Amino acid sequence: MLALLATMSERPGHWRHWYELMKNIGVSSGTLYPFLMRMTEQGLLAAEWREPVQAGRPPRHDYRLTAAGISLARRVAESGFVSAAGMVRIS
C-alpha cells in the first residue's frame, strides 16, 4: 500500500489509470487491484469511470487520492516511516 500511496501522492489531484499505476509500482494487476479496491472502500481513493482517450476504446476506471488519502500520505511522509525517495512531499 505504501508504494501505491507514494505513487498516487506524486500527483494527488490527478486521475491515474490502473495500468499506469501497475507499471510505475512494478506489480501485477492481481496484486494492485485488491489495494485499489480496499483503499477506495476506506475512502483514501476516489474511483471513476472516464471516457477513453482514443475513439473505439472502452471507458477507463481511473483513481485519485481523496482528501483523506492526501492526509494519510502527508502523515506517512512526515513520519519518516519511508525514505524520502519512497515518498514525495505533498504540498
PDB file of N, CA and C in Angstrom:
ATOM      1  N   MET A   1       0.822  -1.191   0.000  1.00  0.00           N
ATOM      2  CA  MET A   1       0.000   0.000   0.000  1.00  0.00           C
ATOM      3  C   MET A   1       0.866   1.254   0.000  1.00  0.00           C
ATOM      4  N   LEU A   2       2.035   1.213   0.643  1.00  0.00           N
ATOM      5  CA  LEU A   2       2.894   2.395   0.681  1.00  0.00           C
ATOM      6  C   LEU A   2       3.379   2.785  -0.707  1.00  0.00           C
ATOM      7  N   ALA A   3       3.724   1.800  -1.529  1.00  0.00           N
ATOM      8  CA  ALA A   3       4.171   2.114  -2.890  1.00  0.00           C
ATOM      9  C   ALA A   3       3.049   2.758  -3.687  1.00  0.00           C
ATOM     10  N   LEU A   4       1.833   2.260  -3.529  1.00  0.00           N
ATOM     11  CA  LEU A   4       0.685   2.847  -4.223  1.00  0.00           C
ATOM     12  C   LEU A   4       0.420   4.253  -3.704  1.00  0.00           C
ATOM     13  N   LEU A   5       0.471   4.431  -2.397  1.00  0.00           N
ATOM     14  CA  LEU A   5       0.257   5.748  -1.802  1.00  0.00           C
ATOM     15  C   LEU A   5       1.325   6.737  -2.270  1.00  0.00           C
ATOM     16  N   ALA A   6       2.574   6.290  -2.308  1.00  0.00           N
ATOM     17  CA  ALA A   6       3.662   7.155  -2.770  1.00  0.00           C
ATOM     18  C   ALA A   6       3.475   7.550  -4.227  1.00  0.00           C
ATOM     19  N   THR A   7       3.111   6.592  -5.068  1.00  0.00           N
ATOM     20  CA  THR A   7       2.902   6.879  -6.490  1.00  0.00           C
ATOM     21  C   THR A   7       1.734   7.829  -6.690  1.00  0.00           C
ATOM     22  N   MET A   8       0.640   7.587  -5.988  1.00  0.00           N
ATOM     23  CA  MET A   8      -0.529   8.462  -6.111  1.00  0.00           C
ATOM     24  C   MET A   8      -0.224   9.866  -5.594  1.00  0.00           C
ATOM     25  N   SER A   9       0.639   9.978  -4.586  1.00  0.00           N
ATOM     26  CA  SER A   9       0.933  11.286  -3.998  1.00  0.00           C
ATOM     27  C   SER A   9       1.828  12.149  -4.879  1.00  0.00           C
ATOM     28  N   GLU A  10       2.417  11.560  -5.919  1.00  0.00           N
ATOM     29  CA  GLU A  10       3.227  12.353  -6.845  1.00  0.00           C
ATOM     30  C   GLU A  10       2.373  13.398  -7.555  1.00  0.00           C
ATOM     31  N   ARG A  11       1.125  13.050  -7.824  1.00  0.00           N
ATOM     32  CA  ARG A  11       0.163  13.964  -8.454  1.00  0.00           C
ATOM     33  C   ARG A  11      -1.188  13.732  -7.775  1.00  0.00           C
ATOM     34  N   PRO A  12      -1.342  14.233  -6.554  1.00  0.00           N
ATOM     35  CA  PRO A  12      -2.511  13.865  -5.750  1.00  0.00           C
ATOM     36  C   PRO A  12      -3.862  14.257  -6.328  1.00  0.00           C
ATOM     37  N   GLY A  13      -3.944  15.287  -7.117  1.00  0.00           N
ATOM     38  CA  GLY A  13      -5.231  15.718  -7.657  1.00  0.00           C
ATOM     39  C   GLY A  13      -5.564  15.158  -9.024  1.00  0.00           C
ATOM     40  N   HIS A  14      -4.661  14.371  -9.587  1.00  0.00           N
ATOM     41  CA  HIS A  14      -4.847  13.866 -10.947  1.00  0.00           C
ATOM     42  C   HIS A  14      -5.390  12.443 -10.948  1.00  0.00           C
ATOM     43  N   TRP A  15      -6.240  12.170 -11.925  1.00  0.00           N
ATOM     44  CA  TRP A  15      -6.762  10.821 -12.123  1.00  0.00           C
ATOM     45  C   TRP A  15      -5.663   9.965 -12.733  1.00  0.00           C
ATOM     46  N   ARG A  16      -5.521   8.745 -12.232  1.00  0.00           N
ATOM     47  CA  ARG A  16      -4.494   7.826 -12.727  1.00  0.00           C
ATOM     48  C   ARG A  16      -5.161   6.519 -13.139  1.00  0.00           C
ATOM     49  N   HIS A  17      -4.768   5.982 -14.268  1.00  0.00           N
ATOM     50  CA  HIS A  17      -5.298   4.708 -14.755  1.00  0.00           C
ATOM     51  C   HIS A  17      -4.557   3.564 -14.061  1.00  0.00           C
ATOM     52  N   TRP A  18      -5.274   2.478 -13.816  1.00  0.00           N
ATOM     53  CA  TRP A  18      -4.679   1.345 -13.103  1.00  0.00           C
ATOM     54  C   TRP A  18      -3.439   0.814 -13.813  1.00  0.00           C
ATOM     55  N   TYR A  19      -3.431   0.830 -15.143  1.00  0.00           N
ATOM     56  CA  TYR A  19      -2.291   0.291 -15.886  1.00  0.00           C
ATOM     57  C   TYR A  19      -1.045   1.145 -15.651  1.00  0.00           C
ATOM     58  N   GLU A  20      -1.225   2.453 -15.639  1.00  0.00           N
ATOM     59  CA  GLU A  20      -0.114   3.368 -15.345  1.00  0.00           C
ATOM     60  C   GLU A  20       0.427   3.095 -13.945  1.00  0.00           C
ATOM     61  N   LEU A  21      -0.468   2.927 -12.980  1.00  0.00           N
ATOM     62  CA  LEU A  21      -0.050   2.643 -11.608  1.00  0.00           C
ATOM     63  C   LEU A  21       0.699   1.318 -11.530  1.00  0.00           C
ATOM     64  N   MET A  22       0.184   0.309 -12.209  1.00  0.00           N
ATOM     65  CA  MET A  22       0.806  -1.009 -12.209  1.00  0.00           C
ATOM     66  C   MET A  22       2.236  -0.934 -12.740  1.00  0.00           C
ATOM     67  N   LYS A  23       2.428  -0.212 -13.829  1.00  0.00           N
ATOM     68  CA  LYS A  23       3.762  -0.081 -14.420  1.00  0.00           C
ATOM     69  C   LYS A  23       4.695   0.724 -13.514  1.00  0.00           C
ATOM     70  N   ASN A  24       4.193   1.812 -12.920  1.00  0.00           N
ATOM     71  CA  ASN A  24       5.024   2.646 -12.045  1.00  0.00           C
ATOM     72  C   ASN A  24       5.461   1.910 -10.789  1.00  0.00           C
ATOM     73  N   ILE A  25       4.565   1.112 -10.228  1.00  0.00           N
ATOM     74  CA  ILE A  25       4.864   0.416  -8.983  1.00  0.00           C
ATOM     75  C   ILE A  25       5.626  -0.879  -9.245  1.00  0.00           C
ATOM     76  N   GLY A  26       5.364  -1.496 -10.388  1.00  0.00           N
ATOM     77  CA  GLY A  26       6.053  -2.734 -10.732  1.00  0.00           C
ATOM     78  C   GLY A  26       5.422  -3.972 -10.114  1.00  0.00           C
ATOM     79  N   VAL A  27       4.088  -3.969 -10.033  1.00  0.00           N
ATOM     80  CA  VAL A  27       3.360  -5.128  -9.508  1.00  0.00           C
ATOM     81  C   VAL A  27       2.379  -5.623 -10.561  1.00  0.00           C
ATOM     82  N   SER A  28       1.858  -6.814 -10.340  1.00  0.00           N
ATOM     83  CA  SER A  28       0.871  -7.366 -11.264  1.00  0.00           C
ATOM     84  C   SER A  28      -0.502  -6.772 -10.986  1.00  0.00           C
ATOM     85  N   SER A  29      -1.394  -6.911 -11.948  1.00  0.00           N
ATOM     86  CA  SER A  29      -2.757  -6.416 -11.755  1.00  0.00           C
ATOM     87  C   SER A  29      -3.441  -7.159 -10.612  1.00  0.00           C
ATOM     88  N   GLY A  30      -3.117  -8.435 -10.430  1.00  0.00           N
ATOM     89  CA  GLY A  30      -3.694  -9.218  -9.344  1.00  0.00           C
ATOM     90  C   GLY A  30      -3.261  -8.751  -7.968  1.00  0.00           C
ATOM     91  N   THR A  31      -2.119  -8.097  -7.898  1.00  0.00           N
ATOM     92  CA  THR A  31      -1.654  -7.507  -6.642  1.00  0.00           C
ATOM     93  C   THR A  31      -2.233  -6.112  -6.467  1.00  0.00           C
ATOM     94  N   LEU A  32      -2.277  -5.347  -7.544  1.00  0.00           N
ATOM     95  CA  LEU A  32      -2.715  -3.955  -7.465  1.00  0.00           C
ATOM     96  C   LEU A  32      -4.208  -3.810  -7.190  1.00  0.00           C
ATOM     97  N   TYR A  33      -5.040  -4.567  -7.896  1.00  0.00           N
ATOM     98  CA  TYR A  33      -6.495  -4.394  -7.784  1.00  0.00           C
ATOM     99  C   TYR A  33      -7.022  -4.499  -6.360  1.00  0.00           C
ATOM    100  N   PRO A  34      -6.589  -5.490  -5.572  1.00  0.00           N
ATOM    101  CA  PRO A  34      -7.102  -5.533  -4.192  1.00  0.00           C
ATOM    102  C   PRO A  34      -6.766  -4.273  -3.391  1.00  0.00           C
ATOM    103  N   PHE A  35      -5.573  -3.718  -3.611  1.00  0.00           N
ATOM    104  CA  PHE A  35      -5.216  -2.481  -2.918  1.00  0.00           C
ATOM    105  C   PHE A  35      -6.074  -1.314  -3.390  1.00  0.00           C
ATOM    106  N   LEU A  36      -6.297  -1.219  -4.705  1.00  0.00           N
ATOM    107  CA  LEU A  36      -7.149  -0.148  -5.224  1.00  0.00           C
ATOM    108  C   LEU A  36      -8.556  -0.247  -4.643  1.00  0.00           C
ATOM    109  N   MET A  37      -9.099  -1.450  -4.615  1.00  0.00           N
ATOM    110  CA  MET A  37     -10.455  -1.635  -4.079  1.00  0.00           C
ATOM    111  C   MET A  37     -10.503  -1.323  -2.586  1.00  0.00           C
ATOM    112  N   ARG A  38      -9.529  -1.824  -1.838  1.00  0.00           N
ATOM    113  CA  ARG A  38      -9.500  -1.600  -0.395  1.00  0.00           C
ATOM    114  C   ARG A  38      -9.341  -0.115  -0.069  1.00  0.00           C
ATOM    115  N   MET A  39      -8.428   0.557  -0.763  1.00  0.00           N
ATOM    116  CA  MET A  39      -8.212   1.984  -0.494  1.00  0.00           C
ATOM    117  C   MET A  39      -9.425   2.810  -0.901  1.00  0.00           C
ATOM    118  N   THR A  40     -10.139   2.384  -1.939  1.00  0.00           N
ATOM    119  CA  THR A  40     -11.370   3.069  -2.342  1.00  0.00           C
ATOM    120  C   THR A  40     -12.444   2.863  -1.282  1.00  0.00           C
ATOM    121  N   GLU A  41     -12.594   1.633  -0.797  1.00  0.00           N
ATOM    122  CA  GLU A  41     -13.576   1.342   0.248  1.00  0.00           C
ATOM    123  C   GLU A  41     -13.282   2.108   1.536  1.00  0.00           C
ATOM    124  N   GLN A  42     -12.001   2.343   1.822  1.00  0.00           N
ATOM    125  CA  GLN A  42     -11.599   3.063   3.029  1.00  0.00           C
ATOM    126  C   GLN A  42     -11.684   4.578   2.859  1.00  0.00           C
ATOM    127  N   GLY A  43     -12.033   5.033   1.659  1.00  0.00           N
ATOM    128  CA  GLY A  43     -12.160   6.460   1.411  1.00  0.00           C
ATOM    129  C   GLY A  43     -10.851   7.172   1.128  1.00  0.00           C
ATOM    130  N   LEU A  44      -9.789   6.419   0.844  1.00  0.00           N
ATOM    131  CA  LEU A  44      -8.489   7.020   0.552  1.00  0.00           C
ATOM    132  C   LEU A  44      -8.333   7.356  -0.925  1.00  0.00           C
ATOM    133  N   LEU A  45      -9.059   6.635  -1.775  1.00  0.00           N
ATOM    134  CA  LEU A  45      -9.046   6.869  -3.217  1.00  0.00           C
ATOM    135  C   LEU A  45     -10.463   7.096  -3.707  1.00  0.00           C
ATOM    136  N   ALA A  46     -10.586   7.928  -4.724  1.00  0.00           N
ATOM    137  CA  ALA A  46     -11.840   8.062  -5.465  1.00  0.00           C
ATOM    138  C   ALA A  46     -11.658   7.273  -6.752  1.00  0.00           C
ATOM    139  N   ALA A  47     -12.695   6.581  -7.176  1.00  0.00           N
ATOM    140  CA  ALA A  47     -12.660   5.809  -8.421  1.00  0.00           C
ATOM    141  C   ALA A  47     -13.756   6.332  -9.333  1.00  0.00           C
ATOM    142  N   GLU A  48     -13.450   6.408 -10.618  1.00  0.00           N
ATOM    143  CA  GLU A  48     -14.417   6.948 -11.574  1.00  0.00           C
ATOM    144  C   GLU A  48     -14.203   6.318 -12.942  1.00  0.00           C
ATOM    145  N   TRP A  49     -15.318   5.999 -13.601  1.00  0.00           N
ATOM    146  CA  TRP A  49     -15.248   5.573 -14.996  1.00  0.00           C
ATOM    147  C   TRP A  49     -15.109   6.832 -15.838  1.00  0.00           C
ATOM    148  N   ARG A  50     -14.090   6.862 -16.687  1.00  0.00           N
ATOM    149  CA  ARG A  50     -13.820   8.041 -17.502  1.00  0.00           C
ATOM    150  C   ARG A  50     -13.835   7.657 -18.977  1.00  0.00           C
ATOM    151  N   GLU A  51     -14.178   8.618 -19.791  1.00  0.00           N
ATOM    152  CA  GLU A  51     -14.225   8.388 -21.240  1.00  0.00           C
ATOM    153  C   GLU A  51     -12.830   8.052 -21.757  1.00  0.00           C
ATOM    154  N   PRO A  52     -12.760   7.169 -22.747  1.00  0.00           N
ATOM    155  CA  PRO A  52     -11.453   6.778 -23.282  1.00  0.00           C
ATOM    156  C   PRO A  52     -10.763   7.937 -23.987  1.00  0.00           C
ATOM    157  N   VAL A  53      -9.443   7.879 -23.978  1.00  0.00           N
ATOM    158  CA  VAL A  53      -8.640   8.896 -24.661  1.00  0.00           C
ATOM    159  C   VAL A  53      -8.737   8.710 -26.168  1.00  0.00           C
ATOM    160  N   GLN A  54      -8.734   7.451 -26.621  1.00  0.00           N
ATOM    161  CA  GLN A  54      -8.811   7.137 -28.046  1.00  0.00           C
ATOM    162  C   GLN A  54     -10.201   6.622 -28.391  1.00  0.00           C
ATOM    163  N   ALA A  55     -10.698   7.039 -29.547  1.00  0.00           N
ATOM    164  CA  ALA A  55     -12.002   6.557 -30.015  1.00  0.00           C
ATOM    165  C   ALA A  55     -11.956   5.044 -30.200  1.00  0.00           C
ATOM    166  N   GLY A  56     -13.057   4.397 -29.890  1.00  0.00           N
ATOM    167  CA  GLY A  56     -13.148   2.960 -30.053  1.00  0.00           C
ATOM    168  C   GLY A  56     -12.627   2.156 -28.875  1.00  0.00           C
ATOM    169  N   ARG A  57     -12.072   2.829 -27.873  1.00  0.00           N
ATOM    170  CA  ARG A  57     -11.571   2.141 -26.683  1.00  0.00           C
ATOM    171  C   ARG A  57     -12.654   2.152 -25.611  1.00  0.00           C
ATOM    172  N   PRO A  58     -12.635   1.200 -24.698  1.00  0.00           N
ATOM    173  CA  PRO A  58     -13.642   1.184 -23.631  1.00  0.00           C
ATOM    174  C   PRO A  58     -13.363   2.282 -22.599  1.00  0.00           C
ATOM    175  N   PRO A  59     -14.369   2.636 -21.801  1.00  0.00           N
ATOM    176  CA  PRO A  59     -14.137   3.601 -20.720  1.00  0.00           C
ATOM    177  C   PRO A  59     -13.042   3.092 -19.780  1.00  0.00           C
ATOM    178  N   ARG A  60     -12.375   4.029 -19.126  1.00  0.00           N
ATOM    179  CA  ARG A  60     -11.277   3.701 -18.218  1.00  0.00           C
ATOM    180  C   ARG A  60     -11.735   3.852 -16.774  1.00  0.00           C
ATOM    181  N   HIS A  61     -11.257   2.978 -15.913  1.00  0.00           N
ATOM    182  CA  HIS A  61     -11.512   3.104 -14.487  1.00  0.00           C
ATOM    183  C   HIS A  61     -10.274   3.755 -13.891  1.00  0.00           C
ATOM    184  N   ASP A  62     -10.394   5.021 -13.506  1.00  0.00           N
ATOM    185  CA  ASP A  62      -9.265   5.787 -13.011  1.00  0.00           C
ATOM    186  C   ASP A  62      -9.432   6.084 -11.529  1.00  0.00           C
ATOM    187  N   TYR A  63      -8.318   6.442 -10.891  1.00  0.00           N
ATOM    188  CA  TYR A  63      -8.283   6.656  -9.447  1.00  0.00           C
ATOM    189  C   TYR A  63      -7.517   7.933  -9.128  1.00  0.00           C
ATOM    190  N   ARG A  64      -7.883   8.556  -7.997  1.00  0.00           N
ATOM    191  CA  ARG A  64      -7.089   9.662  -7.469  1.00  0.00           C
ATOM    192  C   ARG A  64      -7.253   9.682  -5.957  1.00  0.00           C
ATOM    193  N   LEU A  65      -6.316  10.340  -5.286  1.00  0.00           N
ATOM    194  CA  LEU A  65      -6.388  10.444  -3.834  1.00  0.00           C
ATOM    195  C   LEU A  65      -7.537  11.353  -3.425  1.00  0.00           C
ATOM    196  N   THR A  66      -8.224  10.976  -2.365  1.00  0.00           N
ATOM    197  CA  THR A  66      -9.229  11.845  -1.755  1.00  0.00           C
ATOM    198  C   THR A  66      -8.514  12.731  -0.739  1.00  0.00           C
ATOM    199  N   ALA A  67      -9.251  13.620  -0.093  1.00  0.00           N
ATOM    200  CA  ALA A  67      -8.665  14.449   0.965  1.00  0.00           C
ATOM    201  C   ALA A  67      -8.092  13.559   2.070  1.00  0.00           C
ATOM    202  N   ALA A  68      -8.802  12.480   2.401  1.00  0.00           N
ATOM    203  CA  ALA A  68      -8.310  11.549   3.426  1.00  0.00           C
ATOM    204  C   ALA A  68      -7.033  10.852   2.958  1.00  0.00           C
ATOM    205  N   GLY A  69      -6.960  10.505   1.680  1.00  0.00           N
ATOM    206  CA  GLY A  69      -5.769   9.874   1.131  1.00  0.00           C
ATOM    207  C   GLY A  69      -4.576  10.814   1.125  1.00  0.00           C
ATOM    208  N   ILE A  70      -4.815  12.067   0.787  1.00  0.00           N
ATOM    209  CA  ILE A  70      -3.745  13.070   0.808  1.00  0.00           C
ATOM    210  C   ILE A  70      -3.254  13.267   2.233  1.00  0.00           C
ATOM    211  N   SER A  71      -4.180  13.325   3.176  1.00  0.00           N
ATOM    212  CA  SER A  71      -3.817  13.485   4.586  1.00  0.00           C
ATOM    213  C   SER A  71      -2.968  12.308   5.067  1.00  0.00           C
ATOM    214  N   LEU A  72      -3.372  11.094   4.716  1.00  0.00           N
ATOM    215  CA  LEU A  72      -2.593   9.915   5.099  1.00  0.00           C
ATOM    216  C   LEU A  72      -1.210   9.958   4.460  1.00  0.00           C
ATOM    217  N   ALA A  73      -1.134  10.320   3.193  1.00  0.00           N
ATOM    218  CA  ALA A  73       0.159  10.402   2.503  1.00  0.00           C
ATOM    219  C   ALA A  73       1.071  11.409   3.190  1.00  0.00           C
ATOM    220  N   ARG A  74       0.522  12.535   3.616  1.00  0.00           N
ATOM    221  CA  ARG A  74       1.319  13.542   4.338  1.00  0.00           C
ATOM    222  C   ARG A  74       1.841  12.976   5.655  1.00  0.00           C
ATOM    223  N   ARG A  75       0.960  12.307   6.391  1.00  0.00           N
ATOM    224  CA  ARG A  75       1.368  11.754   7.692  1.00  0.00           C
ATOM    225  C   ARG A  75       2.455  10.699   7.517  1.00  0.00           C
ATOM    226  N   VAL A  76       2.316   9.859   6.507  1.00  0.00           N
ATOM    227  CA  VAL A  76       3.328   8.829   6.256  1.00  0.00           C
ATOM    228  C   VAL A  76       4.649   9.481   5.871  1.00  0.00           C
ATOM    229  N   ALA A  77       4.601  10.481   5.005  1.00  0.00           N
ATOM    230  CA  ALA A  77       5.821  11.167   4.564  1.00  0.00           C
ATOM    231  C   ALA A  77       6.512  11.857   5.734  1.00  0.00           C
ATOM    232  N   GLU A  78       5.742  12.462   6.618  1.00  0.00           N
ATOM    233  CA  GLU A  78       6.309  13.191   7.757  1.00  0.00           C
ATOM    234  C   GLU A  78       6.776  12.262   8.870  1.00  0.00           C
ATOM    235  N   SER A  79       6.279  11.037   8.891  1.00  0.00           N
ATOM    236  CA  SER A  79       6.629  10.098   9.959  1.00  0.00           C
ATOM    237  C   SER A  79       8.047   9.564   9.832  1.00  0.00           C
ATOM    238  N   GLY A  80       8.602   9.650   8.628  1.00  0.00           N
ATOM    239  CA  GLY A  80       9.913   9.071   8.397  1.00  0.00           C
ATOM    240  C   GLY A  80       9.856   7.561   8.241  1.00  0.00           C
ATOM    241  N   PHE A  81       8.644   7.008   8.142  1.00  0.00           N
ATOM    242  CA  PHE A  81       8.472   5.560   8.014  1.00  0.00           C
ATOM    243  C   PHE A  81       9.062   5.043   6.711  1.00  0.00           C
ATOM    244  N   VAL A  82       9.016   5.863   5.681  1.00  0.00           N
ATOM    245  CA  VAL A  82       9.622   5.503   4.399  1.00  0.00           C
ATOM    246  C   VAL A  82      10.654   6.552   4.051  1.00  0.00           C
ATOM    247  N   SER A  83      11.607   6.177   3.225  1.00  0.00           N
ATOM    248  CA  SER A  83      12.655   7.113   2.835  1.00  0.00           C
ATOM    249  C   SER A  83      12.085   8.235   1.980  1.00  0.00           C
ATOM    250  N   ALA A  84      12.815   9.308   1.891  1.00  0.00           N
ATOM    251  CA  ALA A  84      12.383  10.447   1.075  1.00  0.00           C
ATOM    252  C   ALA A  84      12.200  10.029  -0.375  1.00  0.00           C
ATOM    253  N   ALA A  85      13.017   9.100  -0.842  1.00  0.00           N
ATOM    254  CA  ALA A  85      12.887   8.630  -2.227  1.00  0.00           C
ATOM    255  C   ALA A  85      11.607   7.832  -2.421  1.00  0.00           C
ATOM    256  N   GLY A  86      11.110   7.211  -1.362  1.00  0.00           N
ATOM    257  CA  GLY A  86       9.918   6.392  -1.468  1.00  0.00           C
ATOM    258  C   GLY A  86       8.626   7.158  -1.292  1.00  0.00           C
ATOM    259  N   MET A  87       8.716   8.371  -0.812  1.00  0.00           N
ATOM    260  CA  MET A  87       7.510   9.161  -0.572  1.00  0.00           C
ATOM    261  C   MET A  87       7.843  10.617  -0.858  1.00  0.00           C
ATOM    262  N   VAL A  88       7.098  11.228  -1.730  1.00  0.00           N
ATOM    263  CA  VAL A  88       7.370  12.616  -2.077  1.00  0.00           C
ATOM    264  C   VAL A  88       6.646  13.539  -1.114  1.00  0.00           C
ATOM    265  N   ARG A  89       7.155  14.728  -0.942  1.00  0.00           N
ATOM    266  CA  ARG A  89       6.494  15.709  -0.098  1.00  0.00           C
ATOM    267  C   ARG A  89       5.284  16.239  -0.836  1.00  0.00           C
ATOM    268  N   ILE A  90       4.178  16.341  -0.145  1.00  0.00           N
ATOM    269  CA  ILE A  90       2.927  16.788  -0.746  1.00  0.00           C
ATOM    270  C   ILE A  90       2.659  18.206  -0.289  1.00  0.00           C
ATOM    271  N   SER A  91       2.496  19.098  -1.253  1.00  0.00           N
ATOM    272  CA  SER A  91       2.245  20.495  -0.883  1.00  0.00           C
ATOM    273  C   SER A  91       0.775  20.779  -0.793  1.00  0.00           C
TER     274      SER A  91
END
